[in-house]
């Protein structure tokens, strides 16, 4: 009976890992690096544009506007869902699988480093923000 439970646990874990993404660890780490570049571009746009983006913009329009001077930073995220959260002048970006409600990466634009490799979470987490921008960006 113990062996059956162990096998079931291993199969469940493997299934969750496969469901989290069809990306390798190297690909996800490369994507994290790309996200920090996107975060830098977005942060500069939000803070220094003469007219900051409207809080009413949909995520897609927000990213088009804030990356207009460097649209190539969006290329690595083709086929993925990009979401934005704004609290005052602070911004967070969430990268999720496009075909599922699964978060892969989450980053606050106010920091140089990557905040959260959500794809490593077990169980997997939904495509919703978890960062407290007031805390992260203070």
N, C-alpha and C. Protein backbone atom coordinates (compact mmCIF):
# COMPACT_ATOMS: atom_id res chain seq x y z
N UNK A 1 0.82 -1.19 0.00
CA UNK A 1 0.00 0.00 0.00
C UNK A 1 0.87 1.26 0.00
N UNK A 2 1.99 1.22 0.73
CA UNK A 2 2.89 2.37 0.77
C UNK A 2 3.46 2.65 -0.63
N UNK A 3 3.77 1.57 -1.35
CA UNK A 3 4.33 1.73 -2.70
C UNK A 3 3.33 2.36 -3.66
N UNK A 4 2.07 1.97 -3.51
CA UNK A 4 1.04 2.54 -4.37
C UNK A 4 0.90 4.03 -4.10
N UNK A 5 0.90 4.42 -2.84
CA UNK A 5 0.80 5.83 -2.48
C UNK A 5 2.00 6.61 -3.00
N UNK A 6 3.19 6.03 -2.89
CA UNK A 6 4.41 6.69 -3.37
C UNK A 6 4.38 6.86 -4.88
N UNK A 7 3.97 5.82 -5.59
CA UNK A 7 3.87 5.89 -7.05
C UNK A 7 2.84 6.94 -7.46
N UNK A 8 1.71 6.98 -6.74
CA UNK A 8 0.69 7.98 -7.03
C UNK A 8 1.20 9.39 -6.82
N UNK A 9 1.96 9.59 -5.76
CA UNK A 9 2.54 10.89 -5.47
C UNK A 9 3.53 11.30 -6.56
N UNK A 10 4.38 10.37 -6.99
CA UNK A 10 5.35 10.66 -8.04
C UNK A 10 4.67 10.99 -9.37
N UNK A 11 3.64 10.24 -9.71
CA UNK A 11 2.91 10.49 -10.95
C UNK A 11 2.21 11.85 -10.91
N UNK A 12 1.62 12.17 -9.76
CA UNK A 12 0.96 13.48 -9.61
C UNK A 12 1.96 14.60 -9.75
N UNK A 13 3.12 14.44 -9.11
CA UNK A 13 4.16 15.46 -9.19
C UNK A 13 4.65 15.64 -10.62
N UNK A 14 4.86 14.55 -11.32
CA UNK A 14 5.31 14.61 -12.71
C UNK A 14 4.26 15.27 -13.60
N UNK A 15 3.01 14.95 -13.38
CA UNK A 15 1.94 15.54 -14.17
C UNK A 15 1.86 17.05 -13.93
N UNK A 16 2.02 17.47 -12.68
CA UNK A 16 1.99 18.91 -12.37
C UNK A 16 3.15 19.62 -13.04
N UNK A 17 4.31 19.00 -13.02
CA UNK A 17 5.47 19.61 -13.65
C UNK A 17 5.25 19.76 -15.14
N UNK A 18 4.71 18.75 -15.78
CA UNK A 18 4.44 18.83 -17.21
C UNK A 18 3.35 19.85 -17.51
N UNK A 19 2.37 19.95 -16.62
CA UNK A 19 1.28 20.89 -16.85
C UNK A 19 1.74 22.33 -16.66
N UNK A 20 2.78 22.55 -15.84
CA UNK A 20 3.19 23.92 -15.55
C UNK A 20 3.65 24.61 -16.81
N UNK A 21 4.32 23.90 -17.65
CA UNK A 21 4.71 24.50 -18.92
C UNK A 21 5.34 23.45 -19.79
N UNK A 22 5.40 23.77 -21.05
CA UNK A 22 6.09 22.89 -21.97
C UNK A 22 7.47 23.44 -22.23
N UNK A 23 7.99 24.19 -21.29
CA UNK A 23 9.29 24.83 -21.41
C UNK A 23 10.30 24.12 -20.51
N UNK A 24 11.54 24.11 -20.96
CA UNK A 24 12.60 23.55 -20.12
C UNK A 24 13.00 24.57 -19.06
N UNK A 25 13.73 24.13 -18.08
CA UNK A 25 14.21 25.03 -17.04
C UNK A 25 15.09 26.13 -17.65
N UNK A 26 15.93 25.76 -18.62
CA UNK A 26 16.78 26.75 -19.29
C UNK A 26 15.94 27.80 -20.03
N UNK A 27 14.90 27.36 -20.70
CA UNK A 27 14.03 28.29 -21.42
C UNK A 27 13.35 29.25 -20.45
N UNK A 28 12.89 28.73 -19.32
CA UNK A 28 12.23 29.58 -18.34
C UNK A 28 13.20 30.55 -17.68
N UNK A 29 14.43 30.12 -17.47
CA UNK A 29 15.43 31.03 -16.93
C UNK A 29 15.78 32.12 -17.95
N UNK A 30 15.86 31.76 -19.23
CA UNK A 30 16.07 32.76 -20.28
C UNK A 30 14.90 33.74 -20.34
N UNK A 31 13.69 33.21 -20.18
CA UNK A 31 12.50 34.05 -20.17
C UNK A 31 12.53 35.01 -18.99
N UNK A 32 13.03 34.54 -17.85
CA UNK A 32 13.16 35.42 -16.67
C UNK A 32 14.12 36.56 -16.97
N UNK A 33 15.20 36.27 -17.65
CA UNK A 33 16.15 37.31 -18.04
C UNK A 33 15.48 38.31 -18.98
N UNK A 34 14.70 37.82 -19.91
CA UNK A 34 13.97 38.70 -20.82
C UNK A 34 12.95 39.55 -20.07
N UNK A 35 12.36 38.97 -19.03
CA UNK A 35 11.38 39.71 -18.25
C UNK A 35 12.02 40.87 -17.50
N UNK A 36 13.23 40.69 -17.00
CA UNK A 36 13.88 41.81 -16.31
C UNK A 36 14.17 42.95 -17.29
N UNK A 37 14.47 42.60 -18.55
CA UNK A 37 14.67 43.64 -19.57
C UNK A 37 13.35 44.36 -19.88
N UNK A 38 12.29 43.60 -20.04
CA UNK A 38 10.98 44.19 -20.27
C UNK A 38 10.59 45.07 -19.08
N UNK A 39 10.84 44.60 -17.88
CA UNK A 39 10.51 45.38 -16.67
C UNK A 39 11.22 46.72 -16.66
N UNK A 40 12.47 46.73 -17.06
CA UNK A 40 13.24 47.96 -17.10
C UNK A 40 12.63 48.96 -18.09
N UNK A 41 12.26 48.47 -19.26
CA UNK A 41 11.65 49.33 -20.28
C UNK A 41 10.32 49.87 -19.78
N UNK A 42 9.50 49.00 -19.22
CA UNK A 42 8.19 49.41 -18.71
C UNK A 42 8.35 50.43 -17.58
N UNK A 43 9.25 50.17 -16.66
CA UNK A 43 9.46 51.08 -15.53
C UNK A 43 9.86 52.47 -16.03
N UNK A 44 10.78 52.52 -16.97
CA UNK A 44 11.20 53.80 -17.52
C UNK A 44 10.05 54.53 -18.18
N UNK A 45 9.22 53.80 -18.91
CA UNK A 45 8.08 54.42 -19.58
C UNK A 45 7.06 54.95 -18.58
N UNK A 46 6.74 54.16 -17.58
CA UNK A 46 5.75 54.57 -16.60
C UNK A 46 6.22 55.78 -15.81
N UNK A 47 7.50 55.78 -15.45
CA UNK A 47 8.02 56.87 -14.62
C UNK A 47 8.35 58.13 -15.41
N UNK A 48 8.78 58.00 -16.66
CA UNK A 48 9.34 59.15 -17.35
C UNK A 48 8.60 59.62 -18.59
N UNK A 49 7.55 58.93 -18.98
CA UNK A 49 6.75 59.43 -20.09
C UNK A 49 6.10 60.75 -19.69
N UNK A 50 6.02 61.68 -20.62
CA UNK A 50 5.39 62.96 -20.33
C UNK A 50 3.96 62.75 -19.86
N UNK A 51 3.32 61.80 -20.49
CA UNK A 51 1.94 61.47 -20.12
C UNK A 51 1.89 59.98 -19.78
N UNK A 52 1.84 59.64 -18.48
CA UNK A 52 1.84 58.21 -18.09
C UNK A 52 0.64 57.47 -18.68
N UNK A 53 0.78 56.16 -18.88
CA UNK A 53 -0.32 55.37 -19.44
C UNK A 53 -1.56 55.43 -18.54
N UNK A 54 -2.69 55.51 -19.16
CA UNK A 54 -3.95 55.53 -18.42
C UNK A 54 -4.12 54.24 -17.63
N UNK A 55 -4.60 54.33 -16.40
CA UNK A 55 -4.87 53.11 -15.63
C UNK A 55 -5.99 52.27 -16.24
N UNK A 56 -6.71 52.83 -17.18
CA UNK A 56 -7.82 52.12 -17.82
C UNK A 56 -7.39 51.27 -19.00
N UNK A 57 -6.13 51.38 -19.42
CA UNK A 57 -5.65 50.59 -20.56
C UNK A 57 -5.70 49.10 -20.25
N UNK A 58 -6.09 48.34 -21.25
CA UNK A 58 -6.00 46.88 -21.14
C UNK A 58 -4.53 46.49 -21.17
N UNK A 59 -4.20 45.32 -20.66
CA UNK A 59 -2.81 44.87 -20.58
C UNK A 59 -2.09 44.96 -21.92
N UNK A 60 -2.71 44.47 -22.97
CA UNK A 60 -2.06 44.45 -24.29
C UNK A 60 -1.72 45.87 -24.77
N UNK A 61 -2.68 46.79 -24.61
CA UNK A 61 -2.43 48.17 -25.03
C UNK A 61 -1.36 48.82 -24.15
N UNK A 62 -1.35 48.49 -22.86
CA UNK A 62 -0.35 49.03 -21.95
C UNK A 62 1.06 48.64 -22.41
N UNK A 63 1.24 47.36 -22.73
CA UNK A 63 2.57 46.90 -23.16
C UNK A 63 2.96 47.49 -24.52
N UNK A 64 2.02 47.64 -25.42
CA UNK A 64 2.34 48.27 -26.71
C UNK A 64 2.79 49.71 -26.51
N UNK A 65 2.10 50.44 -25.64
CA UNK A 65 2.43 51.83 -25.39
C UNK A 65 3.79 51.96 -24.69
N UNK A 66 4.01 51.18 -23.65
CA UNK A 66 5.23 51.35 -22.85
C UNK A 66 6.47 50.79 -23.53
N UNK A 67 6.30 49.96 -24.55
CA UNK A 67 7.46 49.42 -25.26
C UNK A 67 7.58 49.97 -26.68
N UNK A 68 6.83 51.01 -26.99
CA UNK A 68 6.81 51.56 -28.35
C UNK A 68 8.21 51.91 -28.84
N UNK A 69 9.08 52.37 -27.97
CA UNK A 69 10.44 52.72 -28.36
C UNK A 69 11.36 51.53 -28.49
N UNK A 70 10.94 50.37 -28.00
CA UNK A 70 11.77 49.16 -28.03
C UNK A 70 10.86 47.93 -28.06
N UNK A 71 10.04 47.77 -29.12
CA UNK A 71 9.07 46.68 -29.15
C UNK A 71 9.68 45.27 -29.16
N UNK A 72 10.96 45.16 -29.48
CA UNK A 72 11.59 43.84 -29.53
C UNK A 72 11.63 43.16 -28.15
N UNK A 73 11.48 43.93 -27.08
CA UNK A 73 11.50 43.31 -25.75
C UNK A 73 10.27 42.44 -25.51
N UNK A 74 9.26 42.58 -26.34
CA UNK A 74 8.06 41.75 -26.21
C UNK A 74 8.20 40.41 -26.94
N UNK A 75 9.13 40.31 -27.86
CA UNK A 75 9.27 39.11 -28.71
C UNK A 75 9.40 37.80 -27.92
N UNK A 76 10.19 37.74 -26.85
CA UNK A 76 10.31 36.47 -26.14
C UNK A 76 9.01 35.97 -25.51
N UNK A 77 8.00 36.83 -25.42
CA UNK A 77 6.76 36.47 -24.74
C UNK A 77 5.64 36.11 -25.70
N UNK A 78 6.01 35.97 -26.98
CA UNK A 78 5.01 35.58 -27.97
C UNK A 78 4.43 34.22 -27.58
N UNK A 79 3.12 34.13 -27.57
CA UNK A 79 2.45 32.89 -27.21
C UNK A 79 2.21 32.76 -25.71
N UNK A 80 2.60 33.76 -24.95
CA UNK A 80 2.37 33.77 -23.51
C UNK A 80 1.44 34.92 -23.15
N UNK A 81 0.84 34.85 -21.99
CA UNK A 81 -0.03 35.91 -21.51
C UNK A 81 0.78 36.84 -20.62
N UNK A 82 0.79 38.14 -20.96
CA UNK A 82 1.44 39.16 -20.14
C UNK A 82 0.36 39.97 -19.45
N UNK A 83 0.50 40.11 -18.13
CA UNK A 83 -0.43 40.92 -17.36
C UNK A 83 0.35 42.01 -16.64
N UNK A 84 -0.32 43.11 -16.34
CA UNK A 84 0.31 44.21 -15.63
C UNK A 84 -0.56 44.59 -14.44
N UNK A 85 0.13 44.91 -13.34
CA UNK A 85 -0.54 45.45 -12.16
C UNK A 85 0.13 46.78 -11.84
N UNK A 86 -0.67 47.80 -11.64
CA UNK A 86 -0.12 49.12 -11.33
C UNK A 86 -0.70 49.63 -10.02
N UNK A 87 0.20 50.09 -9.16
CA UNK A 87 -0.19 50.71 -7.90
C UNK A 87 0.59 52.02 -7.83
N UNK A 88 -0.08 53.12 -8.14
CA UNK A 88 0.60 54.40 -8.24
C UNK A 88 1.61 54.34 -9.37
N UNK A 89 2.87 54.67 -9.07
CA UNK A 89 3.91 54.61 -10.11
C UNK A 89 4.64 53.26 -10.12
N UNK A 90 4.22 52.35 -9.26
CA UNK A 90 4.85 51.02 -9.20
C UNK A 90 4.09 50.04 -10.08
N UNK A 91 4.85 49.14 -10.69
CA UNK A 91 4.28 48.21 -11.65
C UNK A 91 4.84 46.81 -11.43
N UNK A 92 4.00 45.82 -11.63
CA UNK A 92 4.44 44.42 -11.64
C UNK A 92 3.98 43.79 -12.94
N UNK A 93 4.79 42.85 -13.42
CA UNK A 93 4.45 42.13 -14.65
C UNK A 93 4.35 40.65 -14.31
N UNK A 94 3.32 40.02 -14.81
CA UNK A 94 3.08 38.60 -14.60
C UNK A 94 3.07 37.90 -15.95
N UNK A 95 3.82 36.82 -16.06
CA UNK A 95 3.87 36.02 -17.29
C UNK A 95 3.19 34.69 -16.98
N UNK A 96 2.22 34.35 -17.81
CA UNK A 96 1.46 33.12 -17.61
C UNK A 96 1.38 32.33 -18.91
N UNK A 97 1.07 31.06 -18.76
CA UNK A 97 0.77 30.29 -19.96
C UNK A 97 -0.46 30.87 -20.61
N UNK A 98 -0.47 30.93 -21.92
CA UNK A 98 -1.61 31.49 -22.63
C UNK A 98 -2.80 30.52 -22.64
N UNK A 99 -2.50 29.25 -22.61
CA UNK A 99 -3.54 28.23 -22.74
C UNK A 99 -4.03 27.69 -21.40
N UNK A 100 -3.54 28.25 -20.29
CA UNK A 100 -3.95 27.75 -18.98
C UNK A 100 -3.81 28.87 -17.96
N UNK A 101 -4.47 28.70 -16.86
CA UNK A 101 -4.42 29.69 -15.79
C UNK A 101 -3.25 29.38 -14.84
N UNK A 102 -2.03 29.38 -15.40
CA UNK A 102 -0.84 29.01 -14.64
C UNK A 102 0.21 30.11 -14.76
N UNK A 103 0.65 30.62 -13.61
CA UNK A 103 1.68 31.66 -13.57
C UNK A 103 3.06 31.04 -13.78
N UNK A 104 3.90 31.73 -14.54
CA UNK A 104 5.27 31.27 -14.77
C UNK A 104 6.30 32.17 -14.08
N UNK A 105 6.14 33.49 -14.23
CA UNK A 105 7.10 34.45 -13.69
C UNK A 105 6.35 35.69 -13.22
N UNK A 106 6.89 36.32 -12.16
CA UNK A 106 6.31 37.57 -11.67
C UNK A 106 7.46 38.49 -11.27
N UNK A 107 7.38 39.74 -11.74
CA UNK A 107 8.48 40.66 -11.50
C UNK A 107 7.96 42.07 -11.21
N UNK A 108 8.54 42.70 -10.22
CA UNK A 108 8.26 44.11 -9.95
C UNK A 108 9.25 44.93 -10.77
N UNK A 109 8.77 45.96 -11.43
CA UNK A 109 9.65 46.74 -12.31
C UNK A 109 10.57 47.66 -11.52
N UNK A 110 10.32 47.83 -10.24
CA UNK A 110 11.11 48.76 -9.43
C UNK A 110 12.45 48.17 -8.96
N UNK A 111 12.68 46.90 -9.21
CA UNK A 111 13.92 46.25 -8.77
C UNK A 111 14.70 45.75 -9.98
N UNK A 112 15.99 45.55 -9.78
CA UNK A 112 16.83 45.05 -10.88
C UNK A 112 16.71 43.54 -11.03
N UNK A 113 16.43 42.84 -9.95
CA UNK A 113 16.39 41.38 -9.99
C UNK A 113 14.99 40.84 -10.24
N UNK A 114 14.94 39.54 -10.46
CA UNK A 114 13.69 38.83 -10.70
C UNK A 114 13.06 38.48 -9.35
N UNK A 115 11.79 38.77 -9.17
CA UNK A 115 11.15 38.51 -7.89
C UNK A 115 10.70 37.05 -7.70
N UNK A 116 10.01 36.49 -8.68
CA UNK A 116 9.39 35.20 -8.41
C UNK A 116 9.36 34.29 -9.63
N UNK A 117 10.01 33.16 -9.50
CA UNK A 117 9.95 32.09 -10.51
C UNK A 117 8.75 31.22 -10.13
N UNK A 118 7.58 31.65 -10.51
CA UNK A 118 6.35 30.98 -10.08
C UNK A 118 6.21 29.58 -10.67
N UNK A 119 6.89 29.31 -11.77
CA UNK A 119 6.81 27.99 -12.40
C UNK A 119 7.38 26.91 -11.49
N UNK A 120 8.16 27.30 -10.50
CA UNK A 120 8.74 26.33 -9.58
C UNK A 120 7.78 25.94 -8.46
N UNK A 121 6.68 26.66 -8.32
CA UNK A 121 5.72 26.42 -7.24
C UNK A 121 5.02 25.09 -7.41
N UNK A 122 4.92 24.38 -6.33
CA UNK A 122 4.12 23.16 -6.31
C UNK A 122 3.22 23.22 -5.09
N UNK A 123 1.93 23.19 -5.21
CA UNK A 123 1.23 23.07 -6.48
C UNK A 123 1.34 24.36 -7.28
N UNK A 124 1.02 24.25 -8.53
CA UNK A 124 1.12 25.41 -9.41
C UNK A 124 0.16 26.49 -8.97
N UNK A 125 0.51 27.72 -9.30
CA UNK A 125 -0.31 28.85 -8.89
C UNK A 125 -1.02 29.46 -10.08
N UNK A 126 -2.15 30.08 -9.78
CA UNK A 126 -2.96 30.67 -10.85
C UNK A 126 -2.33 31.96 -11.36
N UNK A 127 -2.81 32.41 -12.48
CA UNK A 127 -2.31 33.61 -13.14
C UNK A 127 -2.88 34.85 -12.44
N UNK A 128 -2.45 35.05 -11.20
CA UNK A 128 -2.87 36.22 -10.44
C UNK A 128 -1.66 36.76 -9.68
N UNK A 129 -1.67 38.04 -9.42
CA UNK A 129 -0.52 38.70 -8.78
C UNK A 129 -0.41 38.33 -7.31
N UNK A 130 0.82 38.17 -6.86
CA UNK A 130 1.07 37.86 -5.45
C UNK A 130 2.00 38.87 -4.79
N UNK A 131 2.71 39.67 -5.58
CA UNK A 131 3.66 40.62 -5.00
C UNK A 131 2.94 41.79 -4.34
N UNK A 132 3.47 42.22 -3.21
CA UNK A 132 3.01 43.42 -2.53
C UNK A 132 3.94 44.54 -2.97
N UNK A 133 3.51 45.33 -3.94
CA UNK A 133 4.37 46.36 -4.51
C UNK A 133 4.80 47.40 -3.50
N UNK A 134 3.95 47.71 -2.54
CA UNK A 134 4.33 48.68 -1.51
C UNK A 134 5.52 48.16 -0.70
N UNK A 135 5.55 46.88 -0.46
CA UNK A 135 6.65 46.27 0.29
C UNK A 135 7.88 46.07 -0.56
N UNK A 136 7.72 45.53 -1.75
CA UNK A 136 8.84 45.23 -2.64
C UNK A 136 9.56 46.50 -3.09
N UNK A 137 8.79 47.55 -3.35
CA UNK A 137 9.35 48.77 -3.94
C UNK A 137 9.70 49.86 -2.93
N UNK A 138 9.64 49.56 -1.66
CA UNK A 138 9.95 50.63 -0.69
C UNK A 138 11.42 50.94 -0.59
